[in-house]
Amino acid sequence: MNKIFFTSDTHFNHGNIITYCSRPWNTIQEMNEAMIKSWNEVVSPEDTVYHLGDFAMGDRTKIPTLLSRLNGTLILIRGNHDHKKSLEFFENLFDRQVITINGCSVELVHNPSRAIGDADYVFCGHVHNAWTRKDGGDIIPADERADHKEKYGDFRVDRPFINVGVDVRGFRPRTFEELIVK
């Protein structure tokens, strides 16, 4: 049976992310290879992966090679680092999307401050290793969303917001069932 996975903020080819998020590698090559291996250990060629933004940085011409090495059909929800030059490589591209999985509606966005619907869950990225889950009533501080700090400030969530980013998910895509467990 085909599975559906979620991930974000891989930042392939981005050297500074290793330091910024305290990733356990010394080089871009080590990071890329380890994440590709981890991805392919759980995702089969028949599966679908929703990548919630910030796929790669650096030399964008390397994106087709990265995509060809990753199992599954990738659907990209555009992140703040997914620039025009790299978007041409993605066949399935959205700014946000709402899907139904296991009877639950899930809003897929990169930045949690961009969630606008009334889905049962919000799956997001952007916050890297700041938190894994915020439940109804929890606050997402503005300093964890620095690019929107002045405009939006802190906000209180009204439903579960789940960070699917690799930095809190073992550097591999995860299923709905894995993500919603408290």
N, C-alpha and C. Protein backbone atom coordinates (compact mmCIF):
# COMPACT_ATOMS: atom_id res chain seq x y z
N MET A 1 0.83 -1.19 0.00
CA MET A 1 0.00 0.00 0.00
C MET A 1 0.87 1.25 0.00
N ASN A 2 0.51 2.20 -0.84
CA ASN A 2 1.27 3.45 -0.91
C ASN A 2 1.08 4.25 0.36
N LYS A 3 2.14 4.86 0.83
CA LYS A 3 2.10 5.67 2.05
C LYS A 3 2.26 7.15 1.70
N ILE A 4 1.83 7.98 2.64
CA ILE A 4 2.00 9.43 2.51
C ILE A 4 2.90 9.88 3.65
N PHE A 5 3.91 10.67 3.29
CA PHE A 5 4.88 11.18 4.25
C PHE A 5 4.91 12.71 4.22
N PHE A 6 5.49 13.28 5.28
CA PHE A 6 5.60 14.73 5.41
C PHE A 6 7.00 15.07 5.93
N THR A 7 7.56 16.16 5.43
CA THR A 7 8.85 16.65 5.90
C THR A 7 8.99 18.11 5.51
N SER A 8 10.02 18.76 6.00
CA SER A 8 10.33 20.13 5.56
C SER A 8 11.75 20.49 5.98
N ASP A 9 12.18 21.61 5.45
CA ASP A 9 13.44 22.25 5.85
C ASP A 9 14.66 21.34 5.71
N THR A 10 14.71 20.56 4.64
CA THR A 10 15.89 19.75 4.39
C THR A 10 17.11 20.64 4.13
N HIS A 11 16.91 21.75 3.45
CA HIS A 11 18.01 22.68 3.15
C HIS A 11 19.20 21.94 2.54
N PHE A 12 18.93 21.03 1.59
CA PHE A 12 20.03 20.38 0.89
C PHE A 12 20.98 21.45 0.36
N ASN A 13 22.26 21.15 0.35
CA ASN A 13 23.32 22.02 -0.19
C ASN A 13 23.53 23.32 0.59
N HIS A 14 23.02 23.40 1.81
CA HIS A 14 23.14 24.63 2.61
C HIS A 14 24.11 24.40 3.76
N GLY A 15 25.32 24.86 3.63
CA GLY A 15 26.35 24.64 4.64
C GLY A 15 26.04 25.29 5.98
N ASN A 16 25.51 26.50 5.98
CA ASN A 16 25.27 27.21 7.24
C ASN A 16 24.21 26.55 8.11
N ILE A 17 23.31 25.77 7.51
CA ILE A 17 22.25 25.13 8.30
C ILE A 17 22.84 24.10 9.26
N ILE A 18 24.00 23.55 8.94
CA ILE A 18 24.66 22.58 9.81
C ILE A 18 24.96 23.23 11.16
N THR A 19 25.49 24.44 11.13
CA THR A 19 25.78 25.17 12.36
C THR A 19 24.52 25.75 12.97
N TYR A 20 23.70 26.38 12.15
CA TYR A 20 22.49 27.06 12.62
C TYR A 20 21.59 26.13 13.43
N CYS A 21 21.43 24.89 12.96
CA CYS A 21 20.53 23.94 13.63
C CYS A 21 21.28 22.82 14.36
N SER A 22 22.57 22.96 14.51
CA SER A 22 23.40 21.95 15.18
C SER A 22 23.20 20.57 14.59
N ARG A 23 23.22 20.50 13.26
CA ARG A 23 23.08 19.20 12.59
C ARG A 23 24.36 18.39 12.78
N PRO A 24 24.25 17.07 12.84
CA PRO A 24 25.39 16.23 13.24
C PRO A 24 26.37 15.89 12.12
N TRP A 25 26.61 16.80 11.20
CA TRP A 25 27.55 16.55 10.11
C TRP A 25 28.55 17.67 10.00
N ASN A 26 29.66 17.37 9.34
CA ASN A 26 30.72 18.36 9.17
C ASN A 26 30.68 19.04 7.82
N THR A 27 30.10 18.37 6.81
CA THR A 27 30.10 18.94 5.47
C THR A 27 28.72 18.82 4.82
N ILE A 28 28.51 19.62 3.79
CA ILE A 28 27.28 19.54 3.01
C ILE A 28 27.11 18.15 2.42
N GLN A 29 28.18 17.60 1.89
CA GLN A 29 28.13 16.28 1.26
C GLN A 29 27.68 15.22 2.27
N GLU A 30 28.25 15.24 3.47
CA GLU A 30 27.83 14.29 4.51
C GLU A 30 26.35 14.45 4.83
N MET A 31 25.92 15.69 5.00
CA MET A 31 24.51 15.96 5.32
C MET A 31 23.59 15.47 4.21
N ASN A 32 23.88 15.86 2.98
CA ASN A 32 23.04 15.45 1.86
C ASN A 32 22.94 13.93 1.76
N GLU A 33 24.08 13.25 1.82
CA GLU A 33 24.08 11.79 1.68
C GLU A 33 23.31 11.12 2.81
N ALA A 34 23.49 11.59 4.03
CA ALA A 34 22.79 10.98 5.17
C ALA A 34 21.28 11.19 5.06
N MET A 35 20.86 12.39 4.65
CA MET A 35 19.42 12.64 4.54
C MET A 35 18.79 11.88 3.37
N ILE A 36 19.51 11.75 2.27
CA ILE A 36 19.00 10.95 1.15
C ILE A 36 18.85 9.49 1.58
N LYS A 37 19.85 8.96 2.27
CA LYS A 37 19.79 7.58 2.75
C LYS A 37 18.61 7.39 3.71
N SER A 38 18.45 8.29 4.67
CA SER A 38 17.34 8.19 5.64
C SER A 38 15.99 8.28 4.94
N TRP A 39 15.88 9.17 3.99
CA TRP A 39 14.64 9.34 3.21
C TRP A 39 14.30 8.03 2.53
N ASN A 40 15.26 7.48 1.81
CA ASN A 40 15.00 6.28 1.01
C ASN A 40 14.82 5.01 1.85
N GLU A 41 15.24 5.04 3.11
CA GLU A 41 15.00 3.91 4.00
C GLU A 41 13.52 3.78 4.37
N VAL A 42 12.79 4.90 4.35
CA VAL A 42 11.37 4.84 4.75
C VAL A 42 10.40 5.07 3.59
N VAL A 43 10.83 5.78 2.57
CA VAL A 43 9.96 6.12 1.44
C VAL A 43 10.25 5.19 0.27
N SER A 44 9.21 4.55 -0.26
CA SER A 44 9.38 3.70 -1.44
C SER A 44 9.09 4.54 -2.70
N PRO A 45 9.46 4.04 -3.87
CA PRO A 45 9.20 4.80 -5.10
C PRO A 45 7.70 5.08 -5.33
N GLU A 46 6.82 4.26 -4.78
CA GLU A 46 5.38 4.43 -4.99
C GLU A 46 4.73 5.41 -4.00
N ASP A 47 5.46 5.84 -2.98
CA ASP A 47 4.91 6.69 -1.93
C ASP A 47 4.86 8.16 -2.38
N THR A 48 4.16 8.96 -1.58
CA THR A 48 4.06 10.40 -1.81
C THR A 48 4.67 11.12 -0.62
N VAL A 49 5.46 12.15 -0.89
CA VAL A 49 6.06 12.96 0.16
C VAL A 49 5.65 14.41 -0.04
N TYR A 50 4.98 14.96 0.96
CA TYR A 50 4.70 16.40 0.98
C TYR A 50 5.88 17.06 1.68
N HIS A 51 6.60 17.88 0.93
CA HIS A 51 7.74 18.60 1.49
C HIS A 51 7.27 20.03 1.72
N LEU A 52 7.24 20.45 3.00
CA LEU A 52 6.65 21.73 3.35
C LEU A 52 7.66 22.87 3.36
N GLY A 53 8.47 22.91 2.34
CA GLY A 53 9.29 24.07 2.08
C GLY A 53 10.74 23.99 2.49
N ASP A 54 11.52 24.86 1.83
CA ASP A 54 12.96 24.98 2.02
C ASP A 54 13.67 23.68 1.68
N PHE A 55 13.45 23.24 0.45
CA PHE A 55 14.03 21.99 -0.03
C PHE A 55 15.55 22.08 -0.13
N ALA A 56 16.06 23.10 -0.84
CA ALA A 56 17.50 23.21 -1.06
C ALA A 56 17.92 24.66 -1.17
N MET A 57 19.19 24.88 -0.94
CA MET A 57 19.77 26.21 -1.12
C MET A 57 21.08 26.02 -1.88
N GLY A 58 21.85 27.07 -1.99
CA GLY A 58 23.13 26.97 -2.69
C GLY A 58 22.92 26.84 -4.19
N ASP A 59 23.71 26.02 -4.82
CA ASP A 59 23.68 25.83 -6.27
C ASP A 59 22.39 25.13 -6.69
N ARG A 60 21.45 25.88 -7.21
CA ARG A 60 20.13 25.36 -7.56
C ARG A 60 20.19 24.37 -8.74
N THR A 61 21.27 24.39 -9.50
CA THR A 61 21.37 23.46 -10.64
C THR A 61 21.54 22.01 -10.15
N LYS A 62 21.84 21.83 -8.87
CA LYS A 62 22.00 20.48 -8.31
C LYS A 62 20.66 19.87 -7.89
N ILE A 63 19.59 20.66 -7.94
CA ILE A 63 18.28 20.16 -7.50
C ILE A 63 17.79 18.97 -8.31
N PRO A 64 17.88 18.97 -9.64
CA PRO A 64 17.40 17.79 -10.38
C PRO A 64 18.09 16.49 -9.97
N THR A 65 19.38 16.54 -9.68
CA THR A 65 20.10 15.34 -9.25
C THR A 65 19.59 14.88 -7.88
N LEU A 66 19.38 15.83 -6.98
CA LEU A 66 18.82 15.48 -5.67
C LEU A 66 17.46 14.81 -5.83
N LEU A 67 16.59 15.43 -6.61
CA LEU A 67 15.24 14.89 -6.81
C LEU A 67 15.28 13.49 -7.40
N SER A 68 16.19 13.25 -8.32
CA SER A 68 16.27 11.93 -8.97
C SER A 68 16.73 10.84 -8.00
N ARG A 69 17.38 11.23 -6.92
CA ARG A 69 17.89 10.25 -5.96
C ARG A 69 16.92 9.95 -4.82
N LEU A 70 15.84 10.73 -4.71
CA LEU A 70 14.89 10.56 -3.62
C LEU A 70 13.69 9.72 -4.07
N ASN A 71 13.34 8.72 -3.29
CA ASN A 71 12.18 7.89 -3.59
C ASN A 71 10.89 8.69 -3.42
N GLY A 72 9.86 8.25 -4.14
CA GLY A 72 8.53 8.81 -3.99
C GLY A 72 8.25 9.96 -4.92
N THR A 73 6.97 10.33 -4.94
CA THR A 73 6.52 11.52 -5.67
C THR A 73 6.53 12.67 -4.69
N LEU A 74 7.25 13.73 -5.03
CA LEU A 74 7.40 14.85 -4.13
C LEU A 74 6.42 15.96 -4.50
N ILE A 75 5.69 16.45 -3.51
CA ILE A 75 4.81 17.60 -3.66
C ILE A 75 5.39 18.69 -2.78
N LEU A 76 5.77 19.82 -3.38
CA LEU A 76 6.41 20.90 -2.64
C LEU A 76 5.41 21.98 -2.27
N ILE A 77 5.35 22.29 -0.99
CA ILE A 77 4.65 23.47 -0.50
C ILE A 77 5.76 24.52 -0.34
N ARG A 78 5.68 25.56 -1.10
CA ARG A 78 6.77 26.53 -1.20
C ARG A 78 7.13 27.14 0.16
N GLY A 79 8.45 27.19 0.45
CA GLY A 79 8.96 27.82 1.65
C GLY A 79 9.63 29.14 1.32
N ASN A 80 10.06 29.85 2.34
CA ASN A 80 10.67 31.16 2.12
C ASN A 80 12.02 31.08 1.41
N HIS A 81 12.67 29.92 1.38
CA HIS A 81 13.94 29.77 0.67
C HIS A 81 13.80 29.03 -0.66
N ASP A 82 12.58 28.73 -1.06
CA ASP A 82 12.35 28.09 -2.36
C ASP A 82 12.12 29.19 -3.38
N HIS A 83 13.20 29.58 -4.03
CA HIS A 83 13.17 30.73 -4.93
C HIS A 83 12.80 30.33 -6.36
N LYS A 84 12.44 31.32 -7.12
CA LYS A 84 11.95 31.13 -8.49
C LYS A 84 12.88 30.24 -9.32
N LYS A 85 14.18 30.42 -9.18
CA LYS A 85 15.13 29.64 -9.98
C LYS A 85 15.06 28.15 -9.67
N SER A 86 14.64 27.79 -8.46
CA SER A 86 14.58 26.37 -8.11
C SER A 86 13.20 25.77 -8.33
N LEU A 87 12.17 26.58 -8.40
CA LEU A 87 10.81 26.06 -8.49
C LEU A 87 10.53 25.37 -9.82
N GLU A 88 11.26 25.71 -10.85
CA GLU A 88 11.05 25.10 -12.16
C GLU A 88 11.29 23.60 -12.16
N PHE A 89 11.98 23.09 -11.16
CA PHE A 89 12.30 21.66 -11.09
C PHE A 89 11.21 20.82 -10.44
N PHE A 90 10.17 21.47 -9.91
CA PHE A 90 9.11 20.76 -9.19
C PHE A 90 7.83 20.74 -10.01
N GLU A 91 7.32 19.53 -10.26
CA GLU A 91 6.08 19.39 -11.02
C GLU A 91 4.85 19.68 -10.17
N ASN A 92 4.92 19.38 -8.89
CA ASN A 92 3.79 19.55 -7.98
C ASN A 92 4.15 20.62 -6.96
N LEU A 93 3.63 21.83 -7.16
CA LEU A 93 4.04 22.99 -6.36
C LEU A 93 2.83 23.77 -5.90
N PHE A 94 2.78 24.08 -4.60
CA PHE A 94 1.67 24.83 -4.02
C PHE A 94 2.20 25.81 -2.98
N ASP A 95 1.43 26.85 -2.69
CA ASP A 95 1.76 27.76 -1.59
C ASP A 95 1.22 27.21 -0.27
N ARG A 96 0.10 26.55 -0.33
CA ARG A 96 -0.50 25.86 0.82
C ARG A 96 -1.49 24.87 0.25
N GLN A 97 -1.85 23.89 1.04
CA GLN A 97 -2.80 22.90 0.58
C GLN A 97 -3.51 22.30 1.79
N VAL A 98 -4.76 21.88 1.59
CA VAL A 98 -5.49 21.16 2.62
C VAL A 98 -5.81 19.79 2.06
N ILE A 99 -5.44 18.75 2.81
CA ILE A 99 -5.71 17.38 2.39
C ILE A 99 -6.50 16.69 3.49
N THR A 100 -7.12 15.58 3.13
CA THR A 100 -7.79 14.74 4.12
C THR A 100 -7.04 13.42 4.19
N ILE A 101 -6.70 13.03 5.41
CA ILE A 101 -5.98 11.79 5.61
C ILE A 101 -6.52 11.14 6.89
N ASN A 102 -6.86 9.87 6.78
CA ASN A 102 -7.45 9.13 7.91
C ASN A 102 -8.64 9.86 8.53
N GLY A 103 -9.45 10.49 7.68
CA GLY A 103 -10.64 11.19 8.15
C GLY A 103 -10.39 12.54 8.78
N CYS A 104 -9.15 13.01 8.79
CA CYS A 104 -8.81 14.31 9.37
C CYS A 104 -8.37 15.27 8.28
N SER A 105 -8.76 16.53 8.42
CA SER A 105 -8.27 17.54 7.50
C SER A 105 -6.96 18.10 8.03
N VAL A 106 -6.01 18.29 7.12
CA VAL A 106 -4.68 18.76 7.49
C VAL A 106 -4.30 19.91 6.55
N GLU A 107 -4.04 21.06 7.14
CA GLU A 107 -3.55 22.21 6.37
C GLU A 107 -2.04 22.13 6.31
N LEU A 108 -1.49 22.22 5.11
CA LEU A 108 -0.05 22.12 4.88
C LEU A 108 0.47 23.49 4.48
N VAL A 109 1.36 24.05 5.31
CA VAL A 109 1.97 25.35 5.05
C VAL A 109 3.43 25.28 5.47
N HIS A 110 4.23 26.18 4.94
CA HIS A 110 5.61 26.24 5.41
C HIS A 110 5.68 26.99 6.73
N ASN A 111 5.28 28.23 6.73
CA ASN A 111 5.38 29.08 7.90
C ASN A 111 4.09 28.97 8.71
N PRO A 112 4.16 28.64 9.99
CA PRO A 112 2.93 28.47 10.78
C PRO A 112 2.06 29.72 10.81
N SER A 113 2.64 30.89 10.67
CA SER A 113 1.84 32.12 10.70
C SER A 113 0.98 32.27 9.46
N ARG A 114 1.19 31.45 8.46
CA ARG A 114 0.41 31.51 7.23
C ARG A 114 -0.79 30.57 7.22
N ALA A 115 -1.01 29.83 8.30
CA ALA A 115 -2.16 28.93 8.38
C ALA A 115 -3.43 29.77 8.42
N ILE A 116 -4.38 29.44 7.54
CA ILE A 116 -5.58 30.28 7.45
C ILE A 116 -6.88 29.49 7.53
N GLY A 117 -6.82 28.20 7.41
CA GLY A 117 -8.05 27.42 7.36
C GLY A 117 -8.52 26.97 8.73
N ASP A 118 -9.50 26.08 8.70
CA ASP A 118 -10.01 25.53 9.96
C ASP A 118 -9.86 24.01 9.97
N ALA A 119 -8.76 23.53 9.42
CA ALA A 119 -8.48 22.09 9.37
C ALA A 119 -8.26 21.57 10.79
N ASP A 120 -8.35 20.26 10.93
CA ASP A 120 -8.13 19.62 12.23
C ASP A 120 -6.70 19.80 12.73
N TYR A 121 -5.74 19.77 11.81
CA TYR A 121 -4.32 19.92 12.14
C TYR A 121 -3.68 20.89 11.17
N VAL A 122 -2.60 21.52 11.62
CA VAL A 122 -1.72 22.28 10.73
C VAL A 122 -0.37 21.60 10.79
N PHE A 123 0.13 21.17 9.63
CA PHE A 123 1.49 20.66 9.51
C PHE A 123 2.31 21.80 8.90
N CYS A 124 3.47 22.08 9.50
CA CYS A 124 4.29 23.20 9.04
C CYS A 124 5.76 22.86 9.20
N GLY A 125 6.58 23.77 8.77
CA GLY A 125 8.02 23.73 8.98
C GLY A 125 8.46 25.09 9.47
N HIS A 126 9.54 25.58 8.91
CA HIS A 126 10.03 26.94 9.11
C HIS A 126 10.69 27.18 10.47
N VAL A 127 10.24 26.53 11.52
CA VAL A 127 10.75 26.83 12.87
C VAL A 127 11.93 25.93 13.25
N HIS A 128 12.35 25.08 12.34
CA HIS A 128 13.49 24.18 12.52
C HIS A 128 13.37 23.40 13.83
N ASN A 129 14.28 23.61 14.77
CA ASN A 129 14.26 22.81 15.99
C ASN A 129 13.71 23.58 17.20
N ALA A 130 12.91 24.61 16.97
CA ALA A 130 12.36 25.41 18.07
C ALA A 130 11.31 24.64 18.87
N TRP A 131 10.49 23.81 18.21
CA TRP A 131 9.45 23.02 18.88
C TRP A 131 8.95 21.95 17.93
N THR A 132 8.30 20.92 18.48
CA THR A 132 7.76 19.84 17.65
C THR A 132 6.26 19.95 17.47
N ARG A 133 5.57 20.45 18.52
CA ARG A 133 4.11 20.51 18.47
C ARG A 133 3.62 21.62 19.38
N LYS A 134 2.60 22.32 18.91
CA LYS A 134 1.89 23.31 19.72
C LYS A 134 0.41 22.93 19.66
N ASP A 135 -0.22 22.82 20.82
CA ASP A 135 -1.63 22.45 20.88
C ASP A 135 -2.49 23.69 21.13
N GLY A 136 -3.81 23.52 20.95
CA GLY A 136 -4.74 24.62 21.14
C GLY A 136 -4.48 25.34 22.45
N GLY A 137 -4.32 26.65 22.38
CA GLY A 137 -4.03 27.46 23.55
C GLY A 137 -2.55 27.80 23.70
N ASP A 138 -1.67 27.00 23.09
CA ASP A 138 -0.24 27.29 23.15
C ASP A 138 0.07 28.53 22.32
N ILE A 139 1.19 29.16 22.64
CA ILE A 139 1.62 30.36 21.91
C ILE A 139 2.85 30.03 21.08
N ILE A 140 2.86 30.53 19.85
CA ILE A 140 4.07 30.48 19.02
C ILE A 140 4.68 31.87 19.10
N PRO A 141 5.84 31.98 19.75
CA PRO A 141 6.46 33.30 19.93
C PRO A 141 6.95 33.91 18.62
N ALA A 142 6.88 35.22 18.54
CA ALA A 142 7.31 35.94 17.35
C ALA A 142 8.78 35.69 17.05
N ASP A 143 9.62 35.53 18.08
CA ASP A 143 11.04 35.36 17.81
C ASP A 143 11.35 34.03 17.14
N GLU A 144 10.41 33.10 17.11
CA GLU A 144 10.59 31.85 16.38
C GLU A 144 10.12 32.01 14.93
N ARG A 145 9.58 33.17 14.63
CA ARG A 145 9.12 33.49 13.29
C ARG A 145 9.67 34.86 12.93
N ALA A 146 10.97 35.04 13.03
CA ALA A 146 11.59 36.35 12.96
C ALA A 146 11.22 37.13 11.71
N ASP A 147 11.01 36.47 10.58
CA ASP A 147 10.70 37.20 9.37
C ASP A 147 9.30 37.80 9.40
N HIS A 148 8.50 37.46 10.40
CA HIS A 148 7.16 38.03 10.53
C HIS A 148 6.97 38.73 11.88
N LYS A 149 8.06 38.91 12.61
CA LYS A 149 8.00 39.43 13.97
C LYS A 149 7.25 40.77 14.06
N GLU A 150 7.64 41.71 13.24
CA GLU A 150 7.05 43.04 13.32
C GLU A 150 5.60 43.04 12.86
N LYS A 151 5.28 42.24 11.88
CA LYS A 151 3.94 42.25 11.30
C LYS A 151 2.93 41.45 12.11
N TYR A 152 3.33 40.31 12.64
CA TYR A 152 2.38 39.40 13.25
C TYR A 152 2.50 39.28 14.76
N GLY A 153 3.69 39.35 15.30
CA GLY A 153 3.87 39.15 16.74
C GLY A 153 3.55 37.72 17.15
N ASP A 154 3.45 37.51 18.47
CA ASP A 154 3.08 36.20 19.00
C ASP A 154 1.67 35.84 18.56
N PHE A 155 1.39 34.54 18.46
CA PHE A 155 0.00 34.17 18.25
C PHE A 155 -0.33 32.86 18.97
N ARG A 156 -1.56 32.77 19.39
CA ARG A 156 -2.07 31.60 20.12
C ARG A 156 -2.71 30.67 19.10
N VAL A 157 -2.33 29.40 19.14
CA VAL A 157 -2.88 28.43 18.19
C VAL A 157 -4.22 27.90 18.70
N ASP A 158 -5.08 27.57 17.76
CA ASP A 158 -6.43 27.12 18.10
C ASP A 158 -6.66 25.65 17.79
N ARG A 159 -5.61 24.96 17.37
CA ARG A 159 -5.65 23.53 17.03
C ARG A 159 -4.22 23.03 17.01
N PRO A 160 -3.97 21.76 16.89
CA PRO A 160 -2.59 21.29 16.89
C PRO A 160 -1.80 21.78 15.66
N PHE A 161 -0.66 22.37 15.93
CA PHE A 161 0.31 22.75 14.91
C PHE A 161 1.48 21.80 15.09
N ILE A 162 1.83 21.08 14.04
CA ILE A 162 2.87 20.06 14.13
C ILE A 162 4.01 20.41 13.17
N ASN A 163 5.19 20.53 13.74
CA ASN A 163 6.40 20.83 12.97
C ASN A 163 6.90 19.52 12.36
N VAL A 164 6.93 19.46 11.03
CA VAL A 164 7.38 18.25 10.33
C VAL A 164 8.84 18.35 9.89
N GLY A 165 9.53 19.40 10.32
CA GLY A 165 10.90 19.65 9.89
C GLY A 165 11.88 18.56 10.28
N VAL A 166 12.86 18.35 9.42
CA VAL A 166 13.83 17.27 9.62
C VAL A 166 14.60 17.40 10.92
N ASP A 167 14.79 18.63 11.39
CA ASP A 167 15.61 18.84 12.59
C ASP A 167 14.96 18.28 13.86
N VAL A 168 13.66 18.05 13.84
CA VAL A 168 12.97 17.44 15.00
C VAL A 168 12.37 16.09 14.66
N ARG A 169 12.62 15.59 13.45
CA ARG A 169 12.02 14.33 13.01
C ARG A 169 13.05 13.31 12.54
N GLY A 170 14.26 13.37 13.12
CA GLY A 170 15.27 12.36 12.81
C GLY A 170 15.78 12.41 11.38
N PHE A 171 15.66 13.57 10.74
CA PHE A 171 16.18 13.80 9.39
C PHE A 171 15.59 12.85 8.35
N ARG A 172 14.29 12.54 8.53
CA ARG A 172 13.60 11.70 7.55
C ARG A 172 12.12 12.06 7.52
N PRO A 173 11.46 11.80 6.40
CA PRO A 173 10.01 12.03 6.32
C PRO A 173 9.27 11.13 7.31
N ARG A 174 8.12 11.62 7.77
CA ARG A 174 7.30 10.89 8.74
C ARG A 174 5.86 10.78 8.24
N THR A 175 5.18 9.73 8.69
CA THR A 175 3.78 9.53 8.32
C THR A 175 2.87 10.35 9.23
N PHE A 176 1.62 10.49 8.83
CA PHE A 176 0.60 11.17 9.62
C PHE A 176 0.53 10.56 11.02
N GLU A 177 0.48 9.24 11.08
CA GLU A 177 0.37 8.55 12.36
C GLU A 177 1.56 8.85 13.28
N GLU A 178 2.75 8.91 12.73
CA GLU A 178 3.93 9.23 13.53
C GLU A 178 3.89 10.66 14.04
N LEU A 179 3.34 11.55 13.25
CA LEU A 179 3.36 12.97 13.60
C LEU A 179 2.31 13.38 14.62
N ILE A 180 1.15 12.74 14.61
CA ILE A 180 0.11 13.22 15.50
C ILE A 180 0.17 12.64 16.91
N VAL A 181 1.06 11.68 17.14
CA VAL A 181 1.22 11.11 18.47
C VAL A 181 1.75 12.19 19.40
N LYS A 182 1.14 12.32 20.56
CA LYS A 182 1.63 13.33 21.53
C LYS A 182 2.84 12.82 22.27
